[in-house]
Protein backbone atom coordinates (compact mmCIF):
# COMPACT_ATOMS: atom_id res chain seq x y z
CA UNK A 1 263.28 208.75 143.77
CA UNK A 2 260.80 209.40 140.94
CA UNK A 3 260.04 212.15 138.43
CA UNK A 4 257.09 213.37 140.44
CA UNK A 5 259.30 214.10 143.42
CA UNK A 6 261.76 215.98 141.21
CA UNK A 7 258.92 218.02 139.72
CA UNK A 8 257.74 219.02 143.20
CA UNK A 9 261.31 219.82 144.26
CA UNK A 10 261.82 222.14 141.28
CA UNK A 11 258.42 223.81 141.86
CA UNK A 12 259.23 224.59 145.52
CA UNK A 13 262.72 225.82 144.59
CA UNK A 14 261.34 228.19 141.95
CA UNK A 15 258.31 229.38 143.91
CA UNK A 16 260.19 229.54 147.25
CA UNK A 17 256.91 228.64 148.90
CA UNK A 18 255.22 225.29 149.49
CA UNK A 19 251.69 226.68 149.05
CA UNK A 20 252.41 228.27 145.67
CA UNK A 21 254.30 225.18 144.56
CA UNK A 22 251.32 223.00 145.49
CA UNK A 23 249.00 225.23 143.42
CA UNK A 24 251.41 225.00 140.50
CA UNK A 25 251.53 221.19 140.48
CA UNK A 26 247.83 220.85 141.39
CA UNK A 27 248.07 218.84 144.60
CA UNK A 28 247.73 219.68 148.29
CA UNK A 29 250.48 221.40 150.23
CA UNK A 30 250.73 218.42 152.56
CA UNK A 31 251.23 216.15 149.55
CA UNK A 32 254.12 218.31 148.28
CA UNK A 33 255.69 218.44 151.74
CA UNK A 34 255.44 214.69 152.17
CA UNK A 35 257.04 213.98 148.79
CA UNK A 36 259.88 216.45 149.45
CA UNK A 37 260.52 214.85 152.87
CA UNK A 38 260.64 211.43 151.24
CA UNK A 39 263.10 212.72 148.61
CA UNK A 40 265.29 214.21 151.34
CA UNK A 41 265.33 210.91 153.23
CA UNK A 42 266.34 209.04 150.07
CA UNK A 43 269.13 211.54 149.37
CA UNK A 44 270.24 211.73 152.99
CA UNK A 45 270.24 215.53 153.08
CA UNK A 46 267.84 218.42 153.57
CA UNK A 47 267.15 220.29 150.36
CA UNK A 48 265.40 223.33 151.84
CA UNK A 49 265.90 225.68 154.75
CA UNK A 50 262.42 226.08 156.20
CA UNK A 51 263.33 228.36 159.11
CA UNK A 52 262.47 231.65 157.38
CA UNK A 53 259.22 232.85 155.81
CA UNK A 54 260.59 232.23 152.30
CA UNK A 55 261.80 228.70 151.64
CA UNK A 56 265.41 228.71 150.46
CA UNK A 57 267.68 226.02 149.07
CA UNK A 58 270.38 224.50 151.20
CA UNK A 59 273.81 223.83 149.75
CA UNK A 60 272.66 220.30 148.92
CA UNK A 61 269.49 221.70 147.33
CA UNK A 62 271.46 224.07 145.12
CA UNK A 63 273.65 221.20 144.01
CA UNK A 64 270.61 219.10 143.13
CA UNK A 65 268.47 221.72 141.37
CA UNK A 66 270.12 221.84 137.95
CA UNK A 67 270.36 218.06 137.81
CA UNK A 68 266.66 217.80 138.66
CA UNK A 69 265.77 220.26 135.90
CA UNK A 70 267.93 218.38 133.42
CA UNK A 71 266.33 215.07 134.38
CA UNK A 72 262.82 216.46 133.88
CA UNK A 73 263.80 217.97 130.52
CA UNK A 74 265.30 214.66 129.41
CA UNK A 75 262.15 212.79 130.44
CA UNK A 76 260.03 215.22 128.42
CA UNK A 77 262.32 214.78 125.41
CA UNK A 78 261.95 211.00 125.64
CA UNK A 79 258.18 211.34 125.47
CA UNK A 80 258.34 213.71 122.51
CA UNK A 81 260.75 211.43 120.65
CA UNK A 82 258.44 208.46 121.11
CA UNK A 83 255.48 210.55 119.96
CA UNK A 84 257.32 211.51 116.77
CA UNK A 85 258.39 207.95 115.98
CA UNK A 86 254.85 206.76 116.66
CA UNK A 87 253.47 209.63 114.56
CA UNK A 88 251.39 210.69 117.56
CA UNK A 89 252.26 214.37 117.89
CA UNK A 90 249.86 215.88 120.40
CA UNK A 91 249.21 219.19 122.06
CA UNK A 92 248.44 222.65 120.68
CA UNK A 93 249.91 224.64 117.80
CA UNK A 94 249.31 228.37 117.47
CA UNK A 95 250.00 229.72 113.99
CA UNK A 96 250.05 233.44 113.25
CA UNK A 97 249.09 234.97 109.92
CA UNK A 98 249.56 238.56 108.78
CA UNK A 99 246.24 240.38 108.31
CA UNK A 100 244.84 240.14 104.79
CA UNK A 101 246.92 237.07 103.91
CA UNK A 102 245.83 235.30 100.74
CA UNK A 103 248.81 232.95 100.50
CA UNK A 104 247.00 229.65 100.00
CA UNK A 105 250.05 227.38 100.51
CA UNK A 106 249.87 228.24 104.21
CA UNK A 107 246.33 226.88 104.30
CA UNK A 108 247.48 223.81 102.36
CA UNK A 109 250.20 223.25 104.97
CA UNK A 110 247.70 223.58 107.81
CA UNK A 111 245.34 221.10 106.15
CA UNK A 112 248.12 218.56 105.54
CA UNK A 113 249.34 218.95 109.13
CA UNK A 114 245.83 218.42 110.49
CA UNK A 115 245.34 215.26 108.42
CA UNK A 116 248.66 213.86 109.61
CA UNK A 117 248.27 214.89 113.27
CA UNK A 118 244.58 215.16 114.21
CA UNK A 119 245.55 215.03 117.90
CA UNK A 120 247.03 218.54 117.74
CA UNK A 121 244.66 221.42 118.36
CA UNK A 122 245.41 224.16 115.81
CA UNK A 123 244.80 227.81 116.65
CA UNK A 124 245.09 230.42 113.86
CA UNK A 125 245.53 234.07 114.85
CA UNK A 126 245.58 237.10 112.54
CA UNK A 127 247.46 240.30 113.38
CA UNK A 128 250.00 242.75 111.97
CA UNK A 129 253.56 241.58 111.50
CA UNK A 130 255.07 243.45 114.45
CA UNK A 131 252.66 241.97 116.97
CA UNK A 132 252.97 238.48 115.50
CA UNK A 133 256.76 238.73 115.77
CA UNK A 134 256.47 239.69 119.43
CA UNK A 135 254.08 236.78 119.95
CA UNK A 136 256.69 234.38 118.58
CA UNK A 137 259.36 235.89 120.81
CA UNK A 138 257.15 235.64 123.90
CA UNK A 139 255.98 232.12 123.08
CA UNK A 140 252.26 232.86 122.64
CA UNK A 141 252.63 232.09 118.90
CA UNK A 142 254.58 229.02 117.76
CA UNK A 143 255.00 229.90 114.08
CA UNK A 144 253.96 232.98 112.11
CA UNK A 145 253.75 234.13 108.50
CA UNK A 146 254.80 237.79 108.56
CA UNK A 147 255.81 240.59 106.25
CA UNK A 148 259.19 242.15 106.98
CA UNK A 149 261.58 244.66 105.47
CA UNK A 150 264.95 243.61 104.02
CA UNK A 151 265.52 240.59 106.30
CA UNK A 152 263.79 238.49 108.92
CA UNK A 153 264.36 239.26 112.64
CA UNK A 154 267.87 238.13 113.58
CA UNK A 155 266.77 236.58 116.88
CA UNK A 156 264.30 234.21 115.20
CA UNK A 157 264.61 231.33 112.77
CA UNK A 158 263.06 232.11 109.38
CA UNK A 159 261.99 230.62 106.09
CA UNK A 160 261.66 233.25 103.34
CA UNK A 161 258.64 232.68 101.13
CA UNK A 162 258.64 235.76 98.90
CA UNK A 163 261.19 238.57 98.37
CA UNK A 164 260.00 241.40 96.12
CA UNK A 165 260.58 245.08 95.46
CA UNK A 166 257.82 247.66 95.83
CA UNK A 167 255.67 248.80 92.91
CA UNK A 168 253.01 251.44 92.34
CA UNK A 169 249.68 250.57 90.75
CA UNK A 170 247.48 253.22 89.14
CA UNK A 171 244.62 253.37 86.62
CA UNK A 172 245.70 253.56 82.95
CA UNK A 173 244.81 257.27 82.70
CA UNK A 174 246.80 258.34 85.76
CA UNK A 175 249.53 261.01 85.20
CA UNK A 176 252.23 258.68 86.53
CA UNK A 177 251.75 256.32 83.59
CA UNK A 178 253.38 258.92 81.33
CA UNK A 179 256.70 258.63 83.17
CA UNK A 180 259.33 256.18 81.97
CA UNK A 181 260.87 255.86 85.44
CA UNK A 182 258.97 256.39 88.69
CA UNK A 183 260.83 257.43 91.82
CA UNK A 184 259.70 258.03 95.39
CA UNK A 185 259.87 261.76 94.79
CA UNK A 186 257.33 261.35 91.97
CA UNK A 187 254.85 259.94 94.50
CA UNK A 188 254.98 262.88 96.91
CA UNK A 189 252.56 264.92 94.79
CA UNK A 190 249.93 262.19 94.86
CA UNK A 191 247.81 260.67 97.65
CA UNK A 192 249.04 257.21 98.65
CA UNK A 193 247.01 254.09 99.43
CA UNK A 194 249.01 251.51 101.33
CA UNK A 195 249.14 249.09 104.22
CA UNK A 196 249.13 250.34 107.83
CA UNK A 197 252.17 250.70 110.13
CA UNK A 198 253.31 247.41 111.63
CA UNK A 199 253.28 245.60 108.28
CA UNK A 200 256.45 244.67 106.43
CA UNK A 201 255.49 246.42 103.20
CA UNK A 202 254.71 249.69 105.01
CA UNK A 203 258.03 249.46 106.87
CA UNK A 204 259.89 249.21 103.56
CA UNK A 205 258.02 252.22 102.18
CA UNK A 206 258.48 254.36 105.30
CA UNK A 207 262.21 253.58 105.55
CA UNK A 208 262.79 254.39 101.89
CA UNK A 209 260.95 257.72 102.22
CA UNK A 210 262.79 258.62 105.43
CA UNK A 211 266.15 257.93 103.74
CA UNK A 212 265.32 260.69 101.24
CA UNK A 213 263.62 262.99 103.78
CA UNK A 214 260.33 262.62 101.91
CA UNK A 215 256.92 262.95 103.57
CA UNK A 216 254.30 261.25 101.38
CA UNK A 217 250.62 261.90 101.88
CA UNK A 218 249.01 258.69 103.14
CA UNK A 219 245.39 259.13 102.09
CA UNK A 220 244.00 255.67 102.87
CA UNK A 221 245.21 252.51 104.57
CA UNK A 222 243.98 248.93 104.28
CA UNK A 223 245.35 245.61 105.50
CA UNK A 224 244.36 243.60 102.42
CA UNK A 225 246.14 244.00 99.09
CA UNK A 226 242.89 243.54 97.15
CA UNK A 227 241.29 246.44 99.06
CA UNK A 228 244.27 248.70 98.29
CA UNK A 229 244.06 247.79 94.59
CA UNK A 230 240.30 248.45 94.54
CA UNK A 231 240.77 251.89 96.10
CA UNK A 232 243.47 252.77 93.58
CA UNK A 233 241.34 251.55 90.67
CA UNK A 234 238.64 253.98 91.79
CA UNK A 235 241.05 256.88 91.66
CA UNK A 236 241.42 257.39 95.41
CA UNK A 237 245.20 257.23 95.42
CA UNK A 238 248.37 255.59 94.17
CA UNK A 239 248.62 252.00 95.44
CA UNK A 240 251.95 250.93 96.93
CA UNK A 241 252.21 247.14 96.89
CA UNK A 242 254.61 244.32 96.07
CA UNK A 243 254.59 242.96 92.53
CA UNK A 244 252.80 239.67 93.28
CA UNK A 245 250.02 241.53 95.08
CA UNK A 246 249.05 243.22 91.82
CA UNK A 247 248.84 240.02 89.73
CA UNK A 248 245.03 239.81 89.81
CA UNK A 249 244.48 243.49 89.05
CA UNK A 250 246.49 244.10 85.88
CA UNK A 251 243.33 244.31 83.80
CA UNK A 252 242.45 247.64 85.44
CA UNK A 253 245.73 248.90 86.92
CA UNK A 254 249.08 249.80 85.40
CA UNK A 255 252.02 248.62 87.48
CA UNK A 256 255.42 250.33 87.65
CA UNK A 257 258.52 249.59 89.70
CA UNK A 258 259.72 252.28 92.12
CA UNK A 259 263.25 252.51 90.78
CA UNK A 260 264.94 254.01 93.84
CA UNK A 261 263.60 251.58 96.44
CA UNK A 262 266.15 248.79 96.76
CA UNK A 263 264.91 247.33 100.05
CA UNK A 264 262.90 244.17 99.36
CA UNK A 265 259.64 243.34 101.09
CA UNK A 266 259.77 239.80 102.43
CA UNK A 267 257.07 237.35 103.36
CA UNK A 268 258.55 234.84 105.79
CA UNK A 269 257.69 232.12 108.25
CA UNK A 270 259.35 232.79 111.60
CA UNK A 271 259.67 230.67 114.72
CA UNK A 272 261.70 230.69 117.91
CA UNK A 273 262.26 227.05 118.72
CA UNK A 274 261.85 223.61 117.19
CA UNK A 275 261.84 221.80 120.53
CA UNK A 276 258.14 221.13 119.94
CA UNK A 277 257.44 218.16 117.63
CA UNK A 278 254.32 219.99 116.41
CA UNK A 279 256.39 222.98 115.24
CA UNK A 280 258.88 220.71 113.46
CA UNK A 281 256.10 218.86 111.68
CA UNK A 282 254.32 222.08 110.68
CA UNK A 283 257.59 223.41 109.25
CA UNK A 284 258.02 220.23 107.20
CA UNK A 285 254.52 220.59 105.76
CA UNK A 286 255.12 224.31 105.11
CA UNK A 287 258.33 223.65 103.18
CA UNK A 288 256.50 221.18 100.97
CA UNK A 289 253.51 223.49 100.48
CA UNK A 290 255.69 226.47 99.53
CA UNK A 291 257.81 224.43 97.18
CA UNK A 292 260.90 224.10 99.36
CA UNK A 293 262.19 227.70 99.53
CA UNK A 294 265.58 228.19 101.13
CA UNK A 295 265.76 229.18 104.77
CA UNK A 296 267.00 232.66 105.59
């Protein structure tokens, strides 16, 4: 009995068809059949009932299936463990990044990871936070930097990078600068410039407005904080951003907290599983690059 035979056995059991199983493991159907017959001879029992159109497991096959899966998983884990000890992490790592991201520590982490593990092919994808989160859940994205409202998704692991309240940014001569305290209701009379739906910051803003039954006028939307600040500086609307997003624009914009928005906007790394050595290593580099923030 060898691992190859167990792989073919599991493929036939899951596909319930020798032809599809052969396509899955990339050998001929006759090769799969021969290996399964050899496995059955070694075990002294038939594993499949071949009398019907769909191949089904016999009682002996059902008893063997979970053990076969566990053996293959253990063999894979052995290889990954050796790779890690040998510092030879290989494969592919897909990292997601929220649109308009200017958080340079993420790029520092990617560069450090690449230097340490040149055998891993890195793929960087940019999208809004909702779609990146779904990508992590589905497995098409290994690790993603997203913006979220209040807390990271409960079904994913997370590392919070930034947690900030919302602010408004306006030119120095804007009427809002005369107010000592700015509330959401103060914004309703002015056009708003903010991020599009699907981003964490917009989710915070929309939820806060809905809680007070307010319907703000969204005049313009942009995915990059710098673009939103530029539009506000030109008098096209009141910018709604997080405090750190306004840091480079305080020479031309006045920034005020929105006093009745208590929900924080978070920037967080999220992932589903650390079974992959590449994901674990990327997380280690990310923690160092972001200064070791606490996990959420």
